[in-house]
PDB file of N, CA and C in Angstrom:
ATOM      1  N   MET A   1      -1.774   8.386 -10.736  1.00  0.00           N
ATOM      2  CA  MET A   1      -1.622   7.602  -9.529  1.00  0.00           C
ATOM      3  C   MET A   1      -0.277   6.874  -9.598  1.00  0.00           C
ATOM      4  N   THR A   2       0.463   6.971  -8.513  1.00  0.00           N
ATOM      5  CA  THR A   2       1.774   6.318  -8.486  1.00  0.00           C
ATOM      6  C   THR A   2       1.620   4.824  -8.210  1.00  0.00           C
ATOM      7  N   ARG A   3       2.683   4.092  -8.469  1.00  0.00           N
ATOM      8  CA  ARG A   3       2.677   2.650  -8.205  1.00  0.00           C
ATOM      9  C   ARG A   3       2.489   2.380  -6.714  1.00  0.00           C
ATOM     10  N   ASP A   4       3.100   3.203  -5.870  1.00  0.00           N
ATOM     11  CA  ASP A   4       2.941   3.029  -4.424  1.00  0.00           C
ATOM     12  C   ASP A   4       1.495   3.262  -3.979  1.00  0.00           C
ATOM     13  N   GLU A   5       0.852   4.277  -4.533  1.00  0.00           N
ATOM     14  CA  GLU A   5      -0.557   4.528  -4.205  1.00  0.00           C
ATOM     15  C   GLU A   5      -1.432   3.357  -4.650  1.00  0.00           C
ATOM     16  N   LEU A   6      -1.154   2.876  -5.844  1.00  0.00           N
ATOM     17  CA  LEU A   6      -1.887   1.748  -6.381  1.00  0.00           C
ATOM     18  C   LEU A   6      -1.659   0.494  -5.531  1.00  0.00           C
ATOM     19  N   ARG A   7      -0.435   0.294  -5.098  1.00  0.00           N
ATOM     20  CA  ARG A   7      -0.100  -0.848  -4.241  1.00  0.00           C
ATOM     21  C   ARG A   7      -0.871  -0.763  -2.917  1.00  0.00           C
ATOM     22  N   ARG A   8      -0.946   0.424  -2.342  1.00  0.00           N
ATOM     23  CA  ARG A   8      -1.698   0.602  -1.086  1.00  0.00           C
ATOM     24  C   ARG A   8      -3.175   0.267  -1.270  1.00  0.00           C
ATOM     25  N   ILE A   9      -3.745   0.684  -2.388  1.00  0.00           N
ATOM     26  CA  ILE A   9      -5.146   0.383  -2.676  1.00  0.00           C
ATOM     27  C   ILE A   9      -5.348  -1.128  -2.806  1.00  0.00           C
ATOM     28  N   LEU A  10      -4.470  -1.774  -3.555  1.00  0.00           N
ATOM     29  CA  LEU A  10      -4.591  -3.221  -3.743  1.00  0.00           C
ATOM     30  C   LEU A  10      -4.463  -3.964  -2.415  1.00  0.00           C
ATOM     31  N   LEU A  11      -3.482  -3.577  -1.622  1.00  0.00           N
ATOM     32  CA  LEU A  11      -3.298  -4.240  -0.329  1.00  0.00           C
ATOM     33  C   LEU A  11      -4.483  -3.977   0.600  1.00  0.00           C
ATOM     34  N   ASP A  12      -5.033  -2.793   0.537  1.00  0.00           N
ATOM     35  CA  ASP A  12      -6.211  -2.469   1.341  1.00  0.00           C
ATOM     36  C   ASP A  12      -7.369  -3.394   0.964  1.00  0.00           C
ATOM     37  N   GLU A  13      -7.614  -3.538  -0.315  1.00  0.00           N
ATOM     38  CA  GLU A  13      -8.722  -4.385  -0.769  1.00  0.00           C
ATOM     39  C   GLU A  13      -8.443  -5.864  -0.519  1.00  0.00           C
ATOM     40  N   LEU A  14      -7.214  -6.289  -0.698  1.00  0.00           N
ATOM     41  CA  LEU A  14      -6.869  -7.684  -0.405  1.00  0.00           C
ATOM     42  C   LEU A  14      -7.009  -7.960   1.089  1.00  0.00           C
ATOM     43  N   GLY A  15      -6.690  -6.974   1.911  1.00  0.00           N
ATOM     44  CA  GLY A  15      -6.849  -7.120   3.350  1.00  0.00           C
ATOM     45  C   GLY A  15      -8.299  -7.290   3.760  1.00  0.00           C
ATOM     46  N   ARG A  16      -9.195  -6.708   2.993  1.00  0.00           N
ATOM     47  CA  ARG A  16     -10.624  -6.884   3.268  1.00  0.00           C
ATOM     48  C   ARG A  16     -11.070  -8.308   2.914  1.00  0.00           C
ATOM     49  N   LEU A  17     -10.457  -8.852   1.857  1.00  0.00           N
ATOM     50  CA  LEU A  17     -10.813 -10.211   1.430  1.00  0.00           C
ATOM     51  C   LEU A  17     -10.191 -11.282   2.322  1.00  0.00           C
ATOM     52  N   ALA A  18      -9.010 -10.992   2.828  1.00  0.00           N
ATOM     53  CA  ALA A  18      -8.281 -11.978   3.642  1.00  0.00           C
ATOM     54  C   ALA A  18      -7.701 -11.290   4.866  1.00  0.00           C
ATOM     55  N   PRO A  19      -8.550 -10.900   5.822  1.00  0.00           N
ATOM     56  CA  PRO A  19      -8.080 -10.122   6.976  1.00  0.00           C
ATOM     57  C   PRO A  19      -7.109 -10.878   7.884  1.00  0.00           C
ATOM     58  N   GLU A  20      -7.094 -12.179   7.803  1.00  0.00           N
ATOM     59  CA  GLU A  20      -6.227 -12.978   8.669  1.00  0.00           C
ATOM     60  C   GLU A  20      -4.790 -13.090   8.136  1.00  0.00           C
ATOM     61  N   VAL A  21      -4.539 -12.628   6.931  1.00  0.00           N
ATOM     62  CA  VAL A  21      -3.227 -12.766   6.302  1.00  0.00           C
ATOM     63  C   VAL A  21      -2.367 -11.538   6.574  1.00  0.00           C
ATOM     64  N   ASP A  22      -1.091 -11.767   6.868  1.00  0.00           N
ATOM     65  CA  ASP A  22      -0.131 -10.683   7.058  1.00  0.00           C
ATOM     66  C   ASP A  22       0.344 -10.220   5.681  1.00  0.00           C
ATOM     67  N   LEU A  23      -0.253  -9.163   5.186  1.00  0.00           N
ATOM     68  CA  LEU A  23       0.066  -8.688   3.836  1.00  0.00           C
ATOM     69  C   LEU A  23       1.454  -8.067   3.746  1.00  0.00           C
ATOM     70  N   ALA A  24       2.022  -7.664   4.874  1.00  0.00           N
ATOM     71  CA  ALA A  24       3.367  -7.089   4.870  1.00  0.00           C
ATOM     72  C   ALA A  24       4.397  -8.115   4.414  1.00  0.00           C
ATOM     73  N   SER A  25       4.112  -9.383   4.615  1.00  0.00           N
ATOM     74  CA  SER A  25       5.056 -10.425   4.223  1.00  0.00           C
ATOM     75  C   SER A  25       4.718 -11.044   2.865  1.00  0.00           C
ATOM     76  N   LEU A  26       3.732 -10.495   2.187  1.00  0.00           N
ATOM     77  CA  LEU A  26       3.306 -11.030   0.894  1.00  0.00           C
ATOM     78  C   LEU A  26       4.383 -10.801  -0.165  1.00  0.00           C
ATOM     79  N   ASP A  27       4.802 -11.872  -0.806  1.00  0.00           N
ATOM     80  CA  ASP A  27       5.751 -11.799  -1.910  1.00  0.00           C
ATOM     81  C   ASP A  27       4.997 -11.299  -3.144  1.00  0.00           C
ATOM     82  N   GLU A  28       5.486 -10.250  -3.773  1.00  0.00           N
ATOM     83  CA  GLU A  28       4.792  -9.660  -4.923  1.00  0.00           C
ATOM     84  C   GLU A  28       4.669 -10.614  -6.099  1.00  0.00           C
ATOM     85  N   GLN A  29       5.473 -11.670  -6.137  1.00  0.00           N
ATOM     86  CA  GLN A  29       5.417 -12.633  -7.237  1.00  0.00           C
ATOM     87  C   GLN A  29       4.498 -13.822  -6.938  1.00  0.00           C
ATOM     88  N   SER A  30       4.086 -13.955  -5.686  1.00  0.00           N
ATOM     89  CA  SER A  30       3.254 -15.090  -5.289  1.00  0.00           C
ATOM     90  C   SER A  30       1.873 -15.009  -5.936  1.00  0.00           C
ATOM     91  N   ASP A  31       1.315 -16.173  -6.172  1.00  0.00           N
ATOM     92  CA  ASP A  31      -0.054 -16.255  -6.667  1.00  0.00           C
ATOM     93  C   ASP A  31      -0.976 -15.837  -5.520  1.00  0.00           C
ATOM     94  N   LEU A  32      -1.697 -14.747  -5.715  1.00  0.00           N
ATOM     95  CA  LEU A  32      -2.566 -14.214  -4.668  1.00  0.00           C
ATOM     96  C   LEU A  32      -3.623 -15.219  -4.238  1.00  0.00           C
ATOM     97  N   ARG A  33      -4.107 -15.998  -5.192  1.00  0.00           N
ATOM     98  CA  ARG A  33      -5.160 -16.964  -4.868  1.00  0.00           C
ATOM     99  C   ARG A  33      -4.656 -18.000  -3.876  1.00  0.00           C
ATOM    100  N   GLU A  34      -3.409 -18.423  -4.046  1.00  0.00           N
ATOM    101  CA  GLU A  34      -2.830 -19.402  -3.131  1.00  0.00           C
ATOM    102  C   GLU A  34      -2.362 -18.746  -1.829  1.00  0.00           C
ATOM    103  N   ALA A  35      -1.652 -17.640  -1.951  1.00  0.00           N
ATOM    104  CA  ALA A  35      -1.083 -16.980  -0.777  1.00  0.00           C
ATOM    105  C   ALA A  35      -2.168 -16.502   0.194  1.00  0.00           C
ATOM    106  N   LEU A  36      -3.294 -16.059  -0.352  1.00  0.00           N
ATOM    107  CA  LEU A  36      -4.366 -15.533   0.485  1.00  0.00           C
ATOM    108  C   LEU A  36      -5.533 -16.511   0.619  1.00  0.00           C
ATOM    109  N   GLU A  37      -5.369 -17.678   0.005  1.00  0.00           N
ATOM    110  CA  GLU A  37      -6.410 -18.713   0.013  1.00  0.00           C
ATOM    111  C   GLU A  37      -7.743 -18.152  -0.482  1.00  0.00           C
ATOM    112  N   LEU A  38      -7.684 -17.489  -1.643  1.00  0.00           N
ATOM    113  CA  LEU A  38      -8.888 -16.916  -2.245  1.00  0.00           C
ATOM    114  C   LEU A  38      -9.551 -17.948  -3.148  1.00  0.00           C
ATOM    115  N   ASP A  39     -10.840 -18.139  -2.973  1.00  0.00           N
ATOM    116  CA  ASP A  39     -11.559 -18.996  -3.908  1.00  0.00           C
ATOM    117  C   ASP A  39     -11.951 -18.158  -5.125  1.00  0.00           C
ATOM    118  N   SER A  40     -12.585 -18.778  -6.097  1.00  0.00           N
ATOM    119  CA  SER A  40     -12.907 -18.068  -7.336  1.00  0.00           C
ATOM    120  C   SER A  40     -13.872 -16.909  -7.096  1.00  0.00           C
ATOM    121  N   ILE A  41     -14.796 -17.059  -6.163  1.00  0.00           N
ATOM    122  CA  ILE A  41     -15.743 -15.974  -5.865  1.00  0.00           C
ATOM    123  C   ILE A  41     -15.015 -14.790  -5.224  1.00  0.00           C
ATOM    124  N   SER A  42     -14.098 -15.069  -4.315  1.00  0.00           N
ATOM    125  CA  SER A  42     -13.327 -13.987  -3.684  1.00  0.00           C
ATOM    126  C   SER A  42     -12.478 -13.254  -4.711  1.00  0.00           C
ATOM    127  N   PHE A  43     -11.873 -14.004  -5.638  1.00  0.00           N
ATOM    128  CA  PHE A  43     -11.067 -13.361  -6.665  1.00  0.00           C
ATOM    129  C   PHE A  43     -11.958 -12.509  -7.576  1.00  0.00           C
ATOM    130  N   LEU A  44     -13.123 -13.017  -7.908  1.00  0.00           N
ATOM    131  CA  LEU A  44     -14.070 -12.245  -8.718  1.00  0.00           C
ATOM    132  C   LEU A  44     -14.498 -10.975  -7.978  1.00  0.00           C
ATOM    133  N   ASN A  45     -14.703 -11.075  -6.679  1.00  0.00           N
ATOM    134  CA  ASN A  45     -15.020  -9.888  -5.874  1.00  0.00           C
ATOM    135  C   ASN A  45     -13.888  -8.867  -5.931  1.00  0.00           C
ATOM    136  N   PHE A  46     -12.654  -9.352  -5.923  1.00  0.00           N
ATOM    137  CA  PHE A  46     -11.484  -8.476  -6.049  1.00  0.00           C
ATOM    138  C   PHE A  46     -11.517  -7.729  -7.387  1.00  0.00           C
ATOM    139  N   MET A  47     -11.847  -8.435  -8.463  1.00  0.00           N
ATOM    140  CA  MET A  47     -11.928  -7.803  -9.783  1.00  0.00           C
ATOM    141  C   MET A  47     -13.038  -6.746  -9.795  1.00  0.00           C
ATOM    142  N   THR A  48     -14.145  -7.035  -9.149  1.00  0.00           N
ATOM    143  CA  THR A  48     -15.267  -6.093  -9.078  1.00  0.00           C
ATOM    144  C   THR A  48     -14.875  -4.835  -8.305  1.00  0.00           C
ATOM    145  N   VAL A  49     -14.133  -5.015  -7.227  1.00  0.00           N
ATOM    146  CA  VAL A  49     -13.669  -3.879  -6.430  1.00  0.00           C
ATOM    147  C   VAL A  49     -12.728  -2.999  -7.246  1.00  0.00           C
ATOM    148  N   LEU A  50     -11.884  -3.617  -8.058  1.00  0.00           N
ATOM    149  CA  LEU A  50     -10.972  -2.828  -8.889  1.00  0.00           C
ATOM    150  C   LEU A  50     -11.765  -1.941  -9.848  1.00  0.00           C
ATOM    151  N   ASP A  51     -12.821  -2.491 -10.395  1.00  0.00           N
ATOM    152  CA  ASP A  51     -13.667  -1.700 -11.286  1.00  0.00           C
ATOM    153  C   ASP A  51     -14.293  -0.537 -10.523  1.00  0.00           C
ATOM    154  N   LYS A  52     -14.865  -0.813  -9.362  1.00  0.00           N
ATOM    155  CA  LYS A  52     -15.538   0.239  -8.585  1.00  0.00           C
ATOM    156  C   LYS A  52     -14.563   1.286  -8.065  1.00  0.00           C
ATOM    157  N   ARG A  53     -13.430   0.837  -7.562  1.00  0.00           N
ATOM    158  CA  ARG A  53     -12.505   1.773  -6.906  1.00  0.00           C
ATOM    159  C   ARG A  53     -11.598   2.500  -7.895  1.00  0.00           C
ATOM    160  N   LEU A  54     -11.196   1.795  -8.966  1.00  0.00           N
ATOM    161  CA  LEU A  54     -10.239   2.387  -9.902  1.00  0.00           C
ATOM    162  C   LEU A  54     -10.840   2.673 -11.272  1.00  0.00           C
ATOM    163  N   GLY A  55     -12.013   2.141 -11.533  1.00  0.00           N
ATOM    164  CA  GLY A  55     -12.623   2.338 -12.840  1.00  0.00           C
ATOM    165  C   GLY A  55     -11.981   1.514 -13.931  1.00  0.00           C
ATOM    166  N   VAL A  56     -11.361   0.404 -13.554  1.00  0.00           N
ATOM    167  CA  VAL A  56     -10.708  -0.470 -14.534  1.00  0.00           C
ATOM    168  C   VAL A  56     -11.492  -1.775 -14.604  1.00  0.00           C
ATOM    169  N   VAL A  57     -12.110  -2.012 -15.749  1.00  0.00           N
ATOM    170  CA  VAL A  57     -12.821  -3.268 -15.971  1.00  0.00           C
ATOM    171  C   VAL A  57     -11.807  -4.269 -16.516  1.00  0.00           C
ATOM    172  N   VAL A  58     -11.665  -5.388 -15.820  1.00  0.00           N
ATOM    173  CA  VAL A  58     -10.711  -6.416 -16.229  1.00  0.00           C
ATOM    174  C   VAL A  58     -11.488  -7.552 -16.886  1.00  0.00           C
ATOM    175  N   PRO A  59     -11.282  -7.759 -18.192  1.00  0.00           N
ATOM    176  CA  PRO A  59     -11.958  -8.882 -18.846  1.00  0.00           C
ATOM    177  C   PRO A  59     -11.473 -10.207 -18.261  1.00  0.00           C
ATOM    178  N   GLU A  60     -12.354 -11.182 -18.233  1.00  0.00           N
ATOM    179  CA  GLU A  60     -12.018 -12.479 -17.649  1.00  0.00           C
ATOM    180  C   GLU A  60     -10.764 -13.083 -18.281  1.00  0.00           C
ATOM    181  N   ALA A  61     -10.568 -12.858 -19.557  1.00  0.00           N
ATOM    182  CA  ALA A  61      -9.385 -13.394 -20.246  1.00  0.00           C
ATOM    183  C   ALA A  61      -8.083 -12.821 -19.682  1.00  0.00           C
ATOM    184  N   ASP A  62      -8.161 -11.646 -19.037  1.00  0.00           N
ATOM    185  CA  ASP A  62      -6.975 -11.001 -18.467  1.00  0.00           C
ATOM    186  C   ASP A  62      -6.732 -11.358 -17.006  1.00  0.00           C
ATOM    187  N   TYR A  63      -7.625 -12.086 -16.367  1.00  0.00           N
ATOM    188  CA  TYR A  63      -7.476 -12.414 -14.950  1.00  0.00           C
ATOM    189  C   TYR A  63      -6.109 -13.001 -14.611  1.00  0.00           C
ATOM    190  N   PRO A  64      -5.575 -13.913 -15.431  1.00  0.00           N
ATOM    191  CA  PRO A  64      -4.259 -14.474 -15.077  1.00  0.00           C
ATOM    192  C   PRO A  64      -3.150 -13.429 -14.936  1.00  0.00           C
ATOM    193  N   MET A  65      -3.297 -12.289 -15.584  1.00  0.00           N
ATOM    194  CA  MET A  65      -2.293 -11.233 -15.478  1.00  0.00           C
ATOM    195  C   MET A  65      -2.314 -10.571 -14.105  1.00  0.00           C
ATOM    196  N   LEU A  66      -3.390 -10.798 -13.346  1.00  0.00           N
ATOM    197  CA  LEU A  66      -3.543 -10.174 -12.039  1.00  0.00           C
ATOM    198  C   LEU A  66      -3.435 -11.169 -10.893  1.00  0.00           C
ATOM    199  N   TYR A  67      -2.932 -12.347 -11.170  1.00  0.00           N
ATOM    200  CA  TYR A  67      -2.817 -13.376 -10.138  1.00  0.00           C
ATOM    201  C   TYR A  67      -1.757 -13.050  -9.094  1.00  0.00           C
ATOM    202  N   SER A  68      -0.774 -12.228  -9.448  1.00  0.00           N
ATOM    203  CA  SER A  68       0.239 -11.816  -8.470  1.00  0.00           C
ATOM    204  C   SER A  68       0.104 -10.318  -8.235  1.00  0.00           C
ATOM    205  N   LEU A  69       0.627  -9.857  -7.123  1.00  0.00           N
ATOM    206  CA  LEU A  69       0.568  -8.428  -6.824  1.00  0.00           C
ATOM    207  C   LEU A  69       1.344  -7.632  -7.872  1.00  0.00           C
ATOM    208  N   SER A  70       2.516  -8.116  -8.250  1.00  0.00           N
ATOM    209  CA  SER A  70       3.300  -7.390  -9.258  1.00  0.00           C
ATOM    210  C   SER A  70       2.590  -7.385 -10.607  1.00  0.00           C
ATOM    211  N   GLY A  71       1.965  -8.494 -10.963  1.00  0.00           N
ATOM    212  CA  GLY A  71       1.214  -8.553 -12.220  1.00  0.00           C
ATOM    213  C   GLY A  71       0.027  -7.606 -12.201  1.00  0.00           C
ATOM    214  N   ALA A  72      -0.668  -7.555 -11.057  1.00  0.00           N
ATOM    215  CA  ALA A  72      -1.809  -6.651 -10.921  1.00  0.00           C
ATOM    216  C   ALA A  72      -1.362  -5.197 -11.016  1.00  0.00           C
ATOM    217  N   LEU A  73      -0.256  -4.886 -10.369  1.00  0.00           N
ATOM    218  CA  LEU A  73       0.264  -3.521 -10.432  1.00  0.00           C
ATOM    219  C   LEU A  73       0.639  -3.142 -11.862  1.00  0.00           C
ATOM    220  N   ASP A  74       1.342  -4.016 -12.551  1.00  0.00           N
ATOM    221  CA  ASP A  74       1.734  -3.753 -13.945  1.00  0.00           C
ATOM    222  C   ASP A  74       0.501  -3.546 -14.825  1.00  0.00           C
ATOM    223  N   TYR A  75      -0.458  -4.451 -14.701  1.00  0.00           N
ATOM    224  CA  TYR A  75      -1.671  -4.397 -15.513  1.00  0.00           C
ATOM    225  C   TYR A  75      -2.436  -3.097 -15.254  1.00  0.00           C
ATOM    226  N   LEU A  76      -2.654  -2.794 -13.999  1.00  0.00           N
ATOM    227  CA  LEU A  76      -3.438  -1.611 -13.661  1.00  0.00           C
ATOM    228  C   LEU A  76      -2.724  -0.315 -14.023  1.00  0.00           C
ATOM    229  N   GLU A  77      -1.418  -0.270 -13.812  1.00  0.00           N
ATOM    230  CA  GLU A  77      -0.652   0.925 -14.229  1.00  0.00           C
ATOM    231  C   GLU A  77      -0.808   1.162 -15.725  1.00  0.00           C
ATOM    232  N   ARG A  78      -0.686   0.091 -16.479  1.00  0.00           N
ATOM    233  CA  ARG A  78      -0.795   0.190 -17.939  1.00  0.00           C
ATOM    234  C   ARG A  78      -2.181   0.700 -18.335  1.00  0.00           C
ATOM    235  N   HIS A  79      -3.218   0.146 -17.740  1.00  0.00           N
ATOM    236  CA  HIS A  79      -4.565   0.533 -18.123  1.00  0.00           C
ATOM    237  C   HIS A  79      -4.968   1.914 -17.610  1.00  0.00           C
ATOM    238  N   LEU A  80      -4.475   2.281 -16.469  1.00  0.00           N
ATOM    239  CA  LEU A  80      -4.754   3.624 -15.967  1.00  0.00           C
ATOM    240  C   LEU A  80      -4.032   4.672 -16.796  1.00  0.00           C
ATOM    241  N   SER A  81      -2.811   4.377 -17.227  1.00  0.00           N
ATOM    242  CA  SER A  81      -2.066   5.346 -18.038  1.00  0.00           C
ATOM    243  C   SER A  81      -2.659   5.430 -19.445  1.00  0.00           C
ATOM    244  N   ASP A  82      -3.158   4.307 -19.995  1.00  0.00           N
ATOM    245  CA  ASP A  82      -3.810   4.321 -21.305  1.00  0.00           C
ATOM    246  C   ASP A  82      -5.044   5.197 -21.284  1.00  0.00           C
ATOM    247  N   ARG A  83      -5.746   5.159 -20.156  1.00  0.00           N
ATOM    248  CA  ARG A  83      -6.979   5.941 -20.033  1.00  0.00           C
ATOM    249  C   ARG A  83      -6.677   7.435 -19.999  1.00  0.00           C
ATOM    250  N   ARG A  84      -5.518   7.796 -19.452  1.00  0.00           N
ATOM    251  CA  ARG A  84      -5.132   9.215 -19.377  1.00  0.00           C
ATOM    252  C   ARG A  84      -4.638   9.742 -20.718  1.00  0.00           C
ATOM    253  N   SER A  85      -4.176   8.848 -21.566  1.00  0.00           N
ATOM    254  CA  SER A  85      -3.613   9.270 -22.867  1.00  0.00           C
ATOM    255  C   SER A  85      -4.669   9.684 -23.865  1.00  0.00           C
TER     256      SER A  85
END
């Protein structure tokens, strides 16, 4: 899966969590929780969706690595490529 495909999946799922937010203007470095006004339950739902859609289980200790879109992309790319190896 390419980074662009992964980005589309993430934006699709984030759009479901925060449909009122213009994701096209989302800064990849911004804290998703603040930018999208996600509470802890919404963020946990996002982690659950990643597991279901991508098959990547994110341990709670790793959540801070996924607080930004760029961090989430880096983390998921790394874990998806590790799984293929």
